Amino acid sequence: MVLHNVKPPWHRDFAMPAPLVAGLVLNLSASSPPMGRLGCRILVDGEAVVTRPGVGMTSCVGMYRRK
């Protein structure tokens, strides 16, 4: 999914089909005007999988493993 011209803060929710596979790679990339403050955080069931700050561009990549 690609989103353009989104005003921060923003979020997107996704429903995961059951049964979820044993693991899932989550990836988020975002950019802002040069020197703009930007960060990303990926949550699964309200729990942070990965959080990163950034300036101009940021990317979050995390692995979720079913408990």
Protein backbone atom coordinates (compact mmCIF):
# COMPACT_ATOMS: atom_id res chain seq x y z
CA MET A 1 0.00 0.00 0.00
CA VAL A 2 1.29 3.46 -0.86
CA LEU A 3 -0.05 6.65 0.74
CA HIS A 4 0.82 10.14 -0.53
CA ASN A 5 0.51 13.59 1.08
CA VAL A 6 -0.60 12.26 4.45
CA LYS A 7 -0.68 14.83 7.26
CA PRO A 8 0.98 13.64 10.49
CA PRO A 9 0.25 12.14 12.84
CA TRP A 10 -1.40 9.28 11.01
CA HIS A 11 -1.93 5.57 11.47
CA ARG A 12 -3.21 2.62 9.53
CA ASP A 13 -4.81 -0.51 10.97
CA PHE A 14 -4.66 -3.90 9.27
CA ALA A 15 -6.60 -7.01 10.21
CA MET A 16 -4.54 -10.17 10.03
CA PRO A 17 -6.23 -13.31 8.71
CA ALA A 18 -6.43 -16.22 11.13
CA PRO A 19 -4.55 -18.38 11.58
CA LEU A 20 -1.52 -16.13 11.36
CA VAL A 21 1.62 -17.77 10.07
CA ALA A 22 4.45 -18.35 12.55
CA GLY A 23 6.18 -15.07 11.64
CA LEU A 24 5.64 -11.91 9.69
CA VAL A 25 8.03 -9.22 8.41
CA LEU A 26 6.66 -5.69 8.87
CA ASN A 27 8.10 -2.79 6.88
CA LEU A 28 7.26 0.92 6.88
CA SER A 29 9.11 3.66 4.99
CA ALA A 30 8.24 7.35 5.17
CA SER A 31 9.70 10.63 4.01
CA SER A 32 9.09 14.31 4.77
CA PRO A 33 10.40 17.60 3.40
CA PRO A 34 14.18 17.95 3.93
CA MET A 35 15.09 18.28 7.59
CA GLY A 36 11.50 17.56 8.68
CA ARG A 37 11.14 15.53 11.87
CA LEU A 38 9.65 12.13 11.29
CA GLY A 39 9.45 8.84 13.10
CA CYS A 40 7.81 5.47 12.68
CA ARG A 41 6.43 2.85 15.02
CA ILE A 42 4.86 -0.51 14.25
CA LEU A 43 2.49 -1.98 16.83
CA VAL A 44 1.04 -5.49 16.93
CA ASP A 45 -1.85 -5.94 19.37
CA GLY A 46 -0.83 -2.66 21.03
CA GLU A 47 2.77 -3.80 21.59
CA ALA A 48 5.64 -1.95 19.85
CA VAL A 49 7.54 -4.23 17.47
CA VAL A 50 9.88 -1.45 16.29
CA THR A 51 10.21 2.33 16.87
CA ARG A 52 12.64 4.67 15.08
CA PRO A 53 13.11 8.44 14.94
CA GLY A 54 14.26 10.12 11.76
CA VAL A 55 14.90 13.38 9.93
CA GLY A 56 13.77 13.66 6.32
CA MET A 57 13.34 9.91 5.90
CA THR A 58 12.82 6.95 8.18
CA SER A 59 12.26 3.24 7.84
CA CYS A 60 11.01 0.65 10.33
CA VAL A 61 11.52 -3.04 9.71
CA GLY A 62 10.52 -5.54 12.35
CA MET A 63 9.78 -9.23 12.73
CA TYR A 64 6.69 -10.41 14.54
CA ARG A 65 6.60 -13.98 15.81
CA ARG A 66 3.39 -15.55 17.03
CA LYS A 67 3.56 -16.34 20.73
